[in-house]
N, C-alpha and C. Protein backbone atom coordinates (compact mmCIF):
# COMPACT_ATOMS: atom_id res chain seq x y z
N MET A 1 138.10 30.23 109.52
CA MET A 1 136.92 29.69 109.41
C MET A 1 136.77 28.59 108.03
N ASN A 2 136.61 27.63 108.43
CA ASN A 2 135.91 26.76 107.16
C ASN A 2 134.88 27.65 106.81
N VAL A 3 134.78 27.69 105.52
CA VAL A 3 133.59 28.24 104.80
C VAL A 3 132.23 27.48 105.07
N ILE A 4 131.92 26.32 105.04
CA ILE A 4 131.02 25.54 105.25
C ILE A 4 130.47 25.70 106.84
N LYS A 5 131.58 25.95 107.82
CA LYS A 5 131.21 26.20 108.95
C LYS A 5 130.48 27.52 109.03
N ALA A 6 131.35 28.30 108.41
CA ALA A 6 130.55 29.50 108.50
C ALA A 6 129.18 29.91 108.23
N ILE A 7 128.83 28.95 107.09
CA ILE A 7 127.52 28.83 106.47
C ILE A 7 126.37 28.28 107.54
N GLU A 8 126.86 27.38 108.32
CA GLU A 8 125.91 26.75 108.86
C GLU A 8 126.05 27.59 110.23
N GLY A 9 127.13 28.09 110.74
CA GLY A 9 126.60 28.93 112.24
C GLY A 9 126.12 30.02 112.00
N ARG A 10 126.38 30.51 110.66
CA ARG A 10 126.04 32.05 110.67
C ARG A 10 124.58 32.39 111.35
N ARG A 11 124.02 33.05 112.08
CA ARG A 11 122.58 33.61 112.49
C ARG A 11 122.49 34.94 112.18
N SER A 12 121.24 35.36 112.27
CA SER A 12 120.81 36.81 112.55
C SER A 12 121.11 37.17 114.02
N VAL A 13 122.09 37.89 114.70
CA VAL A 13 122.25 38.40 115.80
C VAL A 13 121.17 39.29 116.43
N ARG A 14 120.62 39.51 117.34
CA ARG A 14 120.04 40.46 117.82
C ARG A 14 120.05 40.83 119.07
N ALA A 15 121.20 40.73 119.63
CA ALA A 15 121.58 40.92 121.06
C ALA A 15 122.95 41.36 120.91
N PHE A 16 123.75 42.50 121.05
CA PHE A 16 125.09 42.86 120.86
C PHE A 16 125.76 43.27 122.48
N LYS A 17 126.79 42.70 122.30
CA LYS A 17 127.85 43.52 123.61
C LYS A 17 128.18 45.07 122.85
N GLN A 18 128.18 45.81 123.94
CA GLN A 18 128.80 46.96 123.40
C GLN A 18 130.20 47.67 122.83
N GLU A 19 131.09 46.41 122.95
CA GLU A 19 132.05 46.70 122.75
C GLU A 19 132.19 47.27 121.29
N PRO A 20 132.78 48.26 120.32
CA PRO A 20 132.95 48.41 119.23
C PRO A 20 133.80 47.48 118.16
N VAL A 21 133.41 47.18 117.12
CA VAL A 21 134.35 46.30 116.30
C VAL A 21 135.60 47.19 115.96
N PRO A 22 136.91 46.66 116.11
CA PRO A 22 138.03 47.31 115.79
C PRO A 22 137.80 47.92 114.13
N ARG A 23 138.57 48.75 113.64
CA ARG A 23 138.25 49.44 112.27
C ARG A 23 138.98 48.04 111.46
N GLU A 24 140.49 47.74 111.66
CA GLU A 24 140.80 47.17 110.81
C GLU A 24 140.07 45.64 110.61
N THR A 25 139.34 45.62 111.57
CA THR A 25 138.16 43.94 111.42
C THR A 25 136.98 44.19 110.78
N LEU A 26 136.58 45.59 110.78
CA LEU A 26 135.69 46.23 109.79
C LEU A 26 136.15 46.21 108.74
N THR A 27 137.15 46.72 108.24
CA THR A 27 137.88 47.03 106.89
C THR A 27 137.93 45.48 106.21
N ALA A 28 138.36 44.46 107.15
CA ALA A 28 138.56 43.02 106.52
C ALA A 28 137.12 42.87 106.10
N ILE A 29 135.84 43.24 106.90
CA ILE A 29 134.94 42.46 106.62
C ILE A 29 134.57 42.67 105.18
N MET A 30 134.69 44.40 105.44
CA MET A 30 134.32 44.93 104.29
C MET A 30 134.94 44.71 102.80
N GLU A 31 135.99 44.20 102.69
CA GLU A 31 137.24 43.82 101.59
C GLU A 31 136.19 42.40 101.26
N ALA A 32 135.97 41.85 101.84
CA ALA A 32 135.21 40.84 101.72
C ALA A 32 133.75 41.02 100.93
N ALA A 33 133.26 41.42 101.60
CA ALA A 33 132.02 42.03 101.07
C ALA A 33 132.14 42.65 99.78
N ILE A 34 133.13 43.29 98.88
CA ILE A 34 132.81 44.06 97.91
C ILE A 34 133.76 42.91 96.84
N ALA A 35 133.93 41.85 97.35
CA ALA A 35 134.94 40.72 96.46
C ALA A 35 133.67 40.07 95.71
N ALA A 36 132.43 40.09 96.24
CA ALA A 36 131.41 39.42 95.56
C ALA A 36 131.37 39.46 94.14
N PRO A 37 130.87 38.49 93.46
CA PRO A 37 130.43 38.79 91.86
C PRO A 37 129.30 39.66 91.60
N SER A 38 129.01 40.23 90.37
CA SER A 38 128.36 40.67 90.13
C SER A 38 127.98 40.95 88.66
N TRP A 39 126.67 41.60 87.86
CA TRP A 39 126.44 41.38 86.42
C TRP A 39 127.42 41.98 85.77
N ALA A 40 128.15 41.39 85.15
CA ALA A 40 129.38 41.88 84.21
C ALA A 40 130.18 42.82 84.92
N ASN A 41 130.73 42.51 86.37
CA ASN A 41 131.34 42.90 87.19
C ASN A 41 130.91 44.42 87.28
N THR A 42 129.64 44.91 87.35
CA THR A 42 129.55 46.24 87.69
C THR A 42 129.42 46.25 89.03
N GLN A 43 129.41 45.75 90.00
CA GLN A 43 129.92 46.28 91.42
C GLN A 43 128.78 47.55 91.98
N PRO A 44 127.67 46.78 91.75
CA PRO A 44 126.80 48.30 91.91
C PRO A 44 126.35 48.43 93.77
N TRP A 45 127.34 47.97 94.37
CA TRP A 45 127.17 48.10 96.01
C TRP A 45 127.59 49.69 96.39
N GLU A 46 127.19 50.08 97.15
CA GLU A 46 127.99 51.36 98.19
C GLU A 46 127.60 50.93 99.56
N PHE A 47 128.53 51.18 100.37
CA PHE A 47 128.25 50.64 102.02
C PHE A 47 128.74 52.11 102.63
N LEU A 48 128.18 52.43 103.65
CA LEU A 48 128.39 53.37 104.60
C LEU A 48 128.51 52.64 106.08
N VAL A 49 129.59 52.68 106.54
CA VAL A 49 129.83 51.95 107.89
C VAL A 49 129.87 53.27 108.85
N LEU A 50 128.95 52.66 110.04
CA LEU A 50 128.80 53.49 111.27
C LEU A 50 129.37 53.37 112.54
N GLY A 51 129.91 53.84 113.54
CA GLY A 51 130.13 54.20 114.42
C GLY A 51 129.80 55.32 115.15
N GLY A 52 130.36 55.27 116.18
CA GLY A 52 130.43 56.03 117.55
C GLY A 52 129.23 57.26 117.61
N GLU A 53 129.65 58.20 117.62
CA GLU A 53 128.30 59.48 117.83
C GLU A 53 127.65 59.61 116.66
N VAL A 54 127.81 59.41 115.46
CA VAL A 54 127.08 59.40 114.08
C VAL A 54 126.29 58.19 114.01
N LEU A 55 126.36 56.86 114.53
CA LEU A 55 125.62 55.79 114.54
C LEU A 55 124.42 55.96 115.95
N GLU A 56 125.28 56.74 116.94
CA GLU A 56 124.17 56.91 117.97
C GLU A 56 123.09 58.00 117.54
N LYS A 57 123.40 58.95 116.72
CA LYS A 57 122.38 60.24 116.40
C LYS A 57 121.62 59.33 115.42
N VAL A 58 122.16 58.48 114.55
CA VAL A 58 120.84 57.47 113.64
C VAL A 58 120.25 56.84 114.39
N LYS A 59 120.32 56.15 115.46
CA LYS A 59 119.35 55.53 116.27
C LYS A 59 118.65 56.60 116.91
N ALA A 60 118.95 57.45 117.75
CA ALA A 60 118.15 58.49 118.39
C ALA A 60 116.85 58.88 117.56
N SER A 61 117.47 58.96 116.23
CA SER A 61 116.53 59.53 115.35
C SER A 61 115.61 58.66 114.75
N MET A 62 115.89 57.45 113.90
CA MET A 62 115.31 56.40 113.92
C MET A 62 114.11 56.07 114.92
N THR A 63 114.45 55.96 116.29
CA THR A 63 113.70 55.74 117.56
C THR A 63 112.55 56.48 117.64
N GLU A 64 112.97 58.13 117.22
CA GLU A 64 111.87 59.10 117.53
C GLU A 64 110.77 58.94 116.51
N LYS A 65 111.01 58.46 114.94
CA LYS A 65 110.40 58.32 114.17
C LYS A 65 109.28 57.05 114.70
N ALA A 66 110.06 56.19 115.02
CA ALA A 66 109.16 54.72 115.03
C ALA A 66 108.45 55.02 116.54
N LYS A 67 108.73 55.32 117.39
CA LYS A 67 107.97 55.71 118.64
C LYS A 67 106.76 56.91 118.27
N ALA A 68 107.10 57.74 117.36
CA ALA A 68 105.79 58.61 116.94
C ALA A 68 104.61 57.76 115.85
N ARG A 69 105.31 56.69 115.64
CA ARG A 69 104.46 55.39 114.73
C ARG A 69 104.28 56.40 113.47
N GLU A 70 105.44 56.91 112.80
CA GLU A 70 105.13 57.64 111.19
C GLU A 70 105.53 56.48 110.39
N LYS A 71 104.95 56.59 109.46
CA LYS A 71 104.77 55.48 108.60
C LYS A 71 105.79 55.27 107.66
N PRO A 72 106.27 54.32 107.64
CA PRO A 72 107.81 54.19 106.75
C PRO A 72 107.68 54.53 105.40
N ASN A 73 108.49 54.89 105.20
CA ASN A 73 108.54 55.17 103.41
C ASN A 73 110.17 54.92 102.59
N SER A 74 110.17 53.33 103.13
CA SER A 74 111.75 53.19 102.57
C SER A 74 111.70 52.86 100.86
N ASP A 75 112.90 53.16 100.65
CA ASP A 75 113.35 53.30 98.90
C ASP A 75 112.97 52.31 98.36
N ILE A 76 113.17 50.91 98.99
CA ILE A 76 112.70 49.66 98.43
C ILE A 76 111.38 49.02 99.32
N PRO A 77 110.33 48.85 98.45
CA PRO A 77 109.19 48.63 98.96
C PRO A 77 108.88 47.13 99.54
N SER A 78 108.46 47.20 100.43
CA SER A 78 108.24 45.78 101.41
C SER A 78 107.74 45.09 100.72
N PRO A 79 108.02 43.53 100.72
CA PRO A 79 107.20 42.52 100.03
C PRO A 79 106.23 42.16 100.68
N SER A 80 105.12 41.32 99.77
CA SER A 80 103.92 40.71 100.57
C SER A 80 104.10 38.93 100.41
N PHE A 81 103.50 38.61 101.41
CA PHE A 81 103.79 37.18 100.98
C PHE A 81 102.29 36.23 101.44
N GLU A 82 102.76 34.82 100.52
CA GLU A 82 101.45 34.42 100.74
C GLU A 82 101.87 32.84 101.08
N GLY A 83 100.92 31.92 101.59
CA GLY A 83 101.36 30.55 101.37
C GLY A 83 102.30 29.75 102.06
N PRO A 84 103.30 29.26 101.83
CA PRO A 84 104.34 28.65 102.43
C PRO A 84 105.38 29.93 103.15
N TYR A 85 105.15 31.15 102.03
CA TYR A 85 106.40 31.76 102.86
C TYR A 85 105.68 32.50 103.89
N LEU A 86 104.48 33.07 103.69
CA LEU A 86 103.59 33.55 104.93
C LEU A 86 103.78 32.67 106.13
N GLU A 87 103.52 31.48 106.07
CA GLU A 87 103.75 30.58 107.18
C GLU A 87 105.15 30.89 107.81
N ARG A 88 105.86 30.36 106.92
CA ARG A 88 107.22 30.63 107.96
C ARG A 88 107.90 31.88 108.33
N MET A 89 107.73 33.29 107.59
CA MET A 89 107.42 34.35 108.48
C MET A 89 106.63 34.32 109.79
N ARG A 90 105.64 33.95 109.52
CA ARG A 90 104.62 33.64 111.17
C ARG A 90 105.48 32.91 111.90
N SER A 91 105.75 31.87 111.27
CA SER A 91 106.71 30.81 112.41
C SER A 91 107.68 31.35 113.21
N THR A 92 108.48 32.41 112.18
CA THR A 92 109.36 32.91 112.87
C THR A 92 109.58 34.04 113.92
N GLY A 93 108.41 34.85 113.74
CA GLY A 93 107.78 35.58 114.55
C GLY A 93 107.67 34.98 116.09
N GLN A 94 106.95 34.16 115.73
CA GLN A 94 106.14 33.49 117.00
C GLN A 94 107.41 32.84 117.83
N GLY A 95 108.11 32.23 117.31
CA GLY A 95 109.48 31.60 117.84
C GLY A 95 110.56 33.08 118.49
N LEU A 96 110.37 33.95 117.90
CA LEU A 96 111.28 35.16 118.10
C LEU A 96 110.49 35.52 119.75
N PHE A 97 109.14 35.76 119.59
CA PHE A 97 108.37 36.55 120.70
C PHE A 97 108.34 35.33 121.81
N GLN A 98 108.67 34.00 121.33
CA GLN A 98 108.36 32.84 122.22
C GLN A 98 109.96 32.93 123.13
N ALA A 99 110.97 33.36 122.33
CA ALA A 99 112.29 33.30 123.09
C ALA A 99 112.13 34.43 124.09
N LEU A 100 111.73 35.52 123.77
CA LEU A 100 111.67 37.00 124.65
C LEU A 100 110.97 36.66 125.54
N GLY A 101 110.04 35.83 125.70
CA GLY A 101 108.90 35.53 126.79
C GLY A 101 107.81 36.85 126.62
N ILE A 102 107.45 37.27 125.08
CA ILE A 102 106.59 38.19 125.09
C ILE A 102 104.95 37.53 124.60
N ALA A 103 104.06 37.80 124.86
CA ALA A 103 102.68 37.37 124.89
C ALA A 103 102.28 38.20 123.80
N ARG A 104 101.33 37.35 123.30
CA ARG A 104 100.67 37.94 121.70
C ARG A 104 100.08 39.13 122.22
N GLU A 105 99.31 39.38 123.33
CA GLU A 105 98.74 40.63 124.04
C GLU A 105 99.24 41.84 124.68
N ASP A 106 101.09 41.45 124.79
CA ASP A 106 101.53 42.37 125.46
C ASP A 106 101.82 43.40 124.18
N ARG A 107 101.13 44.26 124.10
CA ARG A 107 101.13 45.33 122.87
C ARG A 107 102.95 46.15 123.13
N GLU A 108 102.81 46.68 124.51
CA GLU A 108 103.84 47.58 124.84
C GLU A 108 105.30 46.48 124.49
N ALA A 109 105.24 45.43 125.08
CA ALA A 109 106.72 44.91 124.68
C ALA A 109 106.71 44.55 123.49
N ARG A 110 105.71 44.33 122.54
CA ARG A 110 105.80 44.30 121.22
C ARG A 110 106.25 45.75 120.62
N GLN A 111 105.84 46.45 121.01
CA GLN A 111 106.39 47.87 120.62
C GLN A 111 107.75 48.16 121.14
N ASP A 112 108.29 47.74 122.19
CA ASP A 112 109.53 48.11 122.39
C ASP A 112 110.47 47.16 121.67
N TRP A 113 110.02 45.96 121.18
CA TRP A 113 110.98 45.19 120.42
C TRP A 113 111.05 46.06 118.74
N THR A 114 109.76 46.31 118.27
CA THR A 114 110.04 47.14 117.05
C THR A 114 111.03 48.07 117.42
N LEU A 115 110.91 49.25 118.20
CA LEU A 115 111.85 50.21 119.07
C LEU A 115 113.54 49.89 118.85
N GLY A 116 113.55 48.51 119.04
CA GLY A 116 114.65 47.61 119.21
C GLY A 116 115.19 47.81 117.93
N MET A 117 114.23 47.56 116.78
CA MET A 117 115.00 47.13 115.28
C MET A 117 115.30 48.71 114.69
N ALA A 118 114.68 49.48 115.31
CA ALA A 118 115.02 51.19 115.01
C ALA A 118 116.60 51.67 115.52
N ARG A 119 116.58 50.62 116.54
CA ARG A 119 118.02 51.12 117.09
C ARG A 119 119.18 50.43 116.86
N PHE A 120 118.92 49.34 115.82
CA PHE A 120 119.75 48.54 115.17
C PHE A 120 120.25 47.13 116.23
N PHE A 121 119.20 47.08 116.96
CA PHE A 121 119.39 46.30 118.26
C PHE A 121 120.54 46.81 119.11
N ASP A 122 120.69 47.93 119.48
CA ASP A 122 121.79 48.35 119.97
C ASP A 122 123.19 48.00 119.91
N ALA A 123 123.25 47.44 118.51
CA ALA A 123 124.80 47.06 118.09
C ALA A 123 125.69 48.26 118.28
N PRO A 124 126.93 48.16 118.47
CA PRO A 124 127.98 49.06 118.38
C PRO A 124 128.30 49.68 116.93
N ASN A 125 128.17 48.90 116.04
CA ASN A 125 128.42 49.28 114.65
C ASN A 125 127.39 49.10 113.57
N ALA A 126 127.41 49.75 112.31
CA ALA A 126 126.10 49.22 111.61
C ALA A 126 126.42 49.87 110.31
N VAL A 127 126.15 48.97 109.18
CA VAL A 127 126.41 49.76 107.58
C VAL A 127 125.40 49.57 106.95
N ILE A 128 124.99 50.81 106.58
CA ILE A 128 124.15 51.31 105.27
C ILE A 128 124.48 50.71 103.83
N VAL A 129 123.46 49.99 103.06
CA VAL A 129 123.91 49.60 101.92
C VAL A 129 123.16 50.90 100.67
N CYS A 130 123.60 50.81 99.98
CA CYS A 130 122.83 51.86 98.87
C CYS A 130 122.94 51.31 97.68
N LEU A 131 122.09 51.51 96.78
CA LEU A 131 122.25 51.31 95.41
C LEU A 131 121.99 52.76 94.58
N ASP A 132 122.21 52.93 93.14
CA ASP A 132 122.40 54.22 92.30
C ASP A 132 120.95 53.86 92.00
N ALA A 133 120.19 54.74 91.95
CA ALA A 133 118.58 54.67 91.54
C ALA A 133 118.46 54.56 90.06
N SER A 134 119.50 54.66 89.44
CA SER A 134 119.36 53.89 87.86
C SER A 134 119.42 52.70 87.98
N LEU A 135 119.97 51.91 88.71
CA LEU A 135 119.96 50.34 88.22
C LEU A 135 118.89 49.73 88.95
N GLY A 136 118.28 48.34 88.29
CA GLY A 136 117.29 47.57 88.39
C GLY A 136 117.30 46.62 89.72
N GLN A 137 116.59 45.40 89.26
CA GLN A 137 116.57 44.17 89.94
C GLN A 137 117.96 43.49 89.97
N TRP A 138 118.24 43.34 89.10
CA TRP A 138 119.59 42.65 88.89
C TRP A 138 120.65 42.96 89.66
N SER A 139 120.65 44.56 89.67
CA SER A 139 121.88 44.90 90.83
C SER A 139 121.60 44.47 92.24
N LEU A 140 120.10 44.48 92.52
CA LEU A 140 119.40 44.33 93.80
C LEU A 140 120.14 42.66 94.14
N LEU A 141 120.14 41.98 93.26
CA LEU A 141 120.70 40.69 93.34
C LEU A 141 122.19 40.60 93.46
N ASP A 142 122.51 41.47 92.96
CA ASP A 142 124.34 41.68 93.11
C ASP A 142 124.77 41.92 94.63
N VAL A 143 123.88 43.21 95.15
CA VAL A 143 123.94 43.36 96.32
C VAL A 143 123.93 42.38 97.55
N GLY A 144 122.75 41.57 97.23
CA GLY A 144 122.60 40.50 98.26
C GLY A 144 123.81 39.58 98.19
N LEU A 145 124.32 39.14 97.30
CA LEU A 145 125.68 38.48 96.81
C LEU A 145 126.73 38.90 97.92
N ALA A 146 126.59 40.53 97.70
CA ALA A 146 127.79 41.35 98.59
C ALA A 146 127.11 41.10 100.08
N LEU A 147 126.50 41.16 100.41
CA LEU A 147 125.45 41.18 101.70
C LEU A 147 125.75 39.59 102.40
N GLU A 148 125.63 38.57 101.66
CA GLU A 148 126.28 37.26 102.15
C GLU A 148 127.89 37.08 102.32
N ASN A 149 128.56 37.61 101.66
CA ASN A 149 129.87 37.83 101.62
C ASN A 149 130.18 38.38 102.96
N LEU A 150 129.67 39.88 103.49
CA LEU A 150 129.55 40.57 104.52
C LEU A 150 128.84 39.67 106.03
N MET A 151 128.26 39.36 105.69
CA MET A 151 127.82 38.36 106.96
C MET A 151 128.97 36.95 107.20
N LEU A 152 129.16 36.44 106.16
CA LEU A 152 130.21 35.23 106.58
C LEU A 152 131.51 35.81 107.01
N ALA A 153 131.99 36.43 106.32
CA ALA A 153 133.44 37.28 106.81
C ALA A 153 133.29 37.56 108.37
N ALA A 154 131.94 38.59 108.51
CA ALA A 154 131.91 39.07 110.00
C ALA A 154 131.97 37.50 110.79
N TRP A 155 131.00 36.68 110.56
CA TRP A 155 130.98 35.58 111.49
C TRP A 155 132.49 35.03 111.46
N HIS A 156 133.25 34.95 110.27
CA HIS A 156 134.33 33.99 110.63
C HIS A 156 135.60 35.06 111.75
N PHE A 157 134.99 36.56 111.94
CA PHE A 157 135.61 37.30 112.86
C PHE A 157 135.07 36.91 114.26
N GLY A 158 134.03 36.43 114.47
CA GLY A 158 133.66 36.35 115.57
C GLY A 158 132.36 37.39 115.81
N ILE A 159 132.19 38.12 114.60
CA ILE A 159 131.20 39.23 114.73
C ILE A 159 129.79 39.11 114.28
N GLY A 160 128.70 39.24 115.15
CA GLY A 160 127.27 39.11 114.60
C GLY A 160 127.01 39.99 113.60
N THR A 161 125.77 39.65 112.90
CA THR A 161 125.22 40.73 112.01
C THR A 161 123.65 40.41 111.88
N CYS A 162 123.07 41.27 111.65
CA CYS A 162 121.65 41.09 111.27
C CYS A 162 121.21 42.45 110.26
N VAL A 163 120.64 41.52 108.85
CA VAL A 163 120.48 42.18 107.87
C VAL A 163 118.71 43.04 108.36
N GLU A 164 118.60 44.52 108.42
CA GLU A 164 117.34 45.14 108.90
C GLU A 164 116.63 45.99 107.51
N ALA A 165 115.73 45.41 107.06
CA ALA A 165 115.10 46.63 106.51
C ALA A 165 114.42 47.78 107.68
N ALA A 166 114.08 47.38 108.57
CA ALA A 166 113.62 48.35 109.43
C ALA A 166 114.70 49.74 109.81
N ALA A 167 115.96 49.25 109.40
CA ALA A 167 116.87 50.43 109.31
C ALA A 167 116.75 51.08 108.37
N ALA A 168 116.09 50.96 107.45
CA ALA A 168 116.15 51.75 106.07
C ALA A 168 114.66 52.15 105.88
N GLN A 169 113.88 52.21 107.14
CA GLN A 169 112.39 52.55 106.67
C GLN A 169 112.23 54.01 106.84
N TYR A 170 112.72 54.81 107.40
CA TYR A 170 113.16 55.92 107.05
C TYR A 170 114.23 56.67 106.61
N PRO A 171 114.31 56.78 105.50
CA PRO A 171 115.19 57.10 104.67
C PRO A 171 115.48 58.76 104.74
N GLU A 172 114.75 59.48 105.39
CA GLU A 172 114.86 60.70 105.30
C GLU A 172 115.97 60.82 106.15
N VAL A 173 115.81 60.26 107.34
CA VAL A 173 116.88 60.46 108.68
C VAL A 173 118.29 60.00 108.05
N LEU A 174 118.33 59.09 107.43
CA LEU A 174 119.81 58.49 106.60
C LEU A 174 120.15 59.73 105.91
N ARG A 175 119.22 60.04 104.80
CA ARG A 175 120.26 61.01 104.10
C ARG A 175 120.60 62.38 104.39
N GLY A 176 119.58 62.47 106.01
CA GLY A 176 119.87 63.95 106.41
C GLY A 176 121.23 63.54 107.16
N ILE A 177 121.87 62.81 107.84
CA ILE A 177 122.83 62.83 108.91
C ILE A 177 123.96 62.46 107.97
N LEU A 178 123.63 61.41 107.26
CA LEU A 178 124.35 60.79 106.36
C LEU A 178 125.06 61.54 104.87
N LYS A 179 124.45 62.59 104.62
CA LYS A 179 124.60 63.16 103.50
C LYS A 179 124.40 62.07 102.13
N ILE A 180 123.45 61.46 101.77
CA ILE A 180 123.31 60.37 101.06
C ILE A 180 122.03 61.03 100.08
N PRO A 181 122.55 61.15 98.77
CA PRO A 181 121.97 62.08 97.56
C PRO A 181 120.64 61.00 97.44
N ALA A 182 119.59 62.11 96.47
CA ALA A 182 118.57 61.60 96.20
C ALA A 182 118.64 60.37 95.13
N SER A 183 119.93 60.46 94.60
CA SER A 183 120.04 59.67 93.10
C SER A 183 120.35 58.25 94.05
N LYS A 184 120.71 57.95 95.05
CA LYS A 184 121.02 56.63 96.03
C LYS A 184 119.69 56.24 96.28
N ARG A 185 119.46 55.08 96.23
CA ARG A 185 118.30 54.16 97.01
C ARG A 185 119.12 53.60 98.22
N ILE A 186 118.53 53.63 99.28
CA ILE A 186 118.79 53.11 100.50
C ILE A 186 117.91 51.68 100.43
N VAL A 187 118.79 50.52 100.43
CA VAL A 187 118.61 49.06 100.28
C VAL A 187 118.12 48.76 101.65
N VAL A 188 119.37 48.54 102.66
CA VAL A 188 119.15 47.79 104.10
C VAL A 188 120.17 48.65 105.04
N GLY A 189 119.77 47.88 106.27
CA GLY A 189 120.97 48.56 107.35
C GLY A 189 121.38 47.09 107.54
N VAL A 190 122.51 47.13 108.49
CA VAL A 190 122.91 45.70 108.80
C VAL A 190 123.53 46.39 110.19
N ALA A 191 122.91 45.46 111.29
CA ALA A 191 123.50 45.95 112.63
C ALA A 191 124.94 44.85 112.64
N LEU A 192 126.10 45.04 113.62
CA LEU A 192 127.21 44.82 113.57
C LEU A 192 127.66 44.55 115.03
N GLY A 193 128.03 43.55 115.55
CA GLY A 193 128.78 43.57 116.75
C GLY A 193 128.78 42.18 117.37
N TYR A 194 129.76 42.21 118.31
CA TYR A 194 130.09 40.81 119.27
C TYR A 194 128.51 40.29 119.92
N PRO A 195 128.46 39.35 119.54
CA PRO A 195 126.98 38.75 120.17
C PRO A 195 126.93 38.78 121.61
N ASP A 196 125.98 38.90 122.10
CA ASP A 196 125.94 39.01 123.75
C ASP A 196 124.88 37.45 124.21
N LEU A 197 125.66 36.45 124.29
CA LEU A 197 124.91 35.19 124.36
C LEU A 197 124.53 34.89 125.80
N SER A 198 124.38 36.20 126.43
CA SER A 198 123.50 36.10 127.68
C SER A 198 122.28 36.50 127.68
N LYS A 199 121.71 37.03 126.35
CA LYS A 199 120.28 37.32 126.47
C LYS A 199 119.83 36.07 125.87
N PRO A 200 118.30 36.35 126.40
CA PRO A 200 117.51 35.43 125.66
C PRO A 200 116.96 34.83 124.68
N ILE A 201 117.19 36.22 123.46
CA ILE A 201 116.89 35.82 122.35
C ILE A 201 117.88 34.87 121.83
N MET A 202 119.16 35.08 122.09
CA MET A 202 120.50 34.38 121.54
C MET A 202 119.96 32.85 121.68
N LYS A 203 118.80 32.48 122.31
CA LYS A 203 118.50 31.10 122.46
C LYS A 203 117.42 30.74 121.09
N PHE A 204 117.26 31.72 120.48
CA PHE A 204 116.42 31.36 119.05
C PHE A 204 116.96 31.25 118.09
N HIS A 205 116.53 29.76 117.30
CA HIS A 205 117.25 29.64 116.26
C HIS A 205 116.14 29.38 115.22
N ALA A 206 115.90 30.04 114.14
CA ALA A 206 114.91 30.04 113.15
C ALA A 206 114.88 28.71 112.46
N ARG A 207 114.11 28.09 112.34
CA ARG A 207 113.75 26.84 111.18
C ARG A 207 114.13 26.67 109.97
N ARG A 208 114.81 25.98 109.57
CA ARG A 208 115.37 25.74 108.25
C ARG A 208 114.35 24.46 107.53
N GLU A 209 113.88 24.61 106.42
CA GLU A 209 113.29 23.60 105.48
C GLU A 209 114.37 22.63 105.01
N PRO A 210 113.73 21.39 105.16
CA PRO A 210 114.57 20.11 104.60
C PRO A 210 114.99 20.63 103.56
N LEU A 211 116.11 19.70 103.06
CA LEU A 211 116.55 20.47 101.22
C LEU A 211 115.70 19.51 100.24
N ALA A 212 114.76 18.49 100.88
CA ALA A 212 113.81 17.61 100.00
C ALA A 212 112.73 18.58 99.49
N SER A 213 112.65 19.22 100.50
CA SER A 213 111.43 19.97 100.15
C SER A 213 111.75 21.82 99.09
N LEU A 214 112.95 21.79 98.97
CA LEU A 214 113.59 23.07 98.05
C LEU A 214 114.69 22.96 97.07
N VAL A 215 115.17 21.53 96.75
CA VAL A 215 115.67 21.11 96.03
C VAL A 215 115.33 19.83 95.33
N THR A 216 115.04 20.25 93.87
CA THR A 216 114.81 18.64 93.20
C THR A 216 115.83 18.34 92.17
N TRP A 217 116.06 17.16 91.84
CA TRP A 217 117.52 16.91 91.14
C TRP A 217 116.80 16.10 89.44
N HIS A 218 117.40 16.73 88.97
CA HIS A 218 117.68 16.00 87.61
C HIS A 218 118.72 15.61 87.07
N GLY A 219 118.51 14.43 86.22
CA GLY A 219 119.72 13.72 85.58
C GLY A 219 120.64 12.87 86.27
N PHE A 220 120.10 12.23 87.31
CA PHE A 220 120.82 11.87 88.83
C PHE A 220 119.95 10.26 88.91
N ASP A 221 120.63 9.45 89.01
CA ASP A 221 120.15 8.17 89.16
C ASP A 221 119.48 8.04 90.61
């Protein structure tokens, strides 16, 4: 796939078929991920690729925590937004729920959606992204570059992805099941699988700001 077409076509996928992604395809995706640039070639990222019974155990444990409404304690603090950033976040949330037909006052349906995030949207595969606790913000930027590679490579193979902070909100679950040491920070999780285009949520497309509102030009006539 042409890289520009991959960039333009990629989207966050929140509905998946249950067919697992072949290991050879996952390997190719991860090879692309770790080919990303990083500060002085430090390559700070660490990835755990999940499937089968292990992923099902993670999903069940994360869902149990979410059902009990336990307070998240992510290794990476959640951000807070103001102004246009908050407006964009709210607009996206409203669009998602409209696509799903979930009314603002329907708390049960909204809770079900939250539980779906804890289950990686029922994707057949997932990736957990870690970073050594000794590393700082620049290494987080490097991890973001690797994640973009991962998502674009996945799209090339017809694999949908969704990067989820919710997948890392109970790090004790992941540490216990996946034997992740305390010396590693769990950054995010990524749901992977073949998109299920029959689901209503797949009709939703997040709005992008126009180029003129985000890019300024200097030294051009």
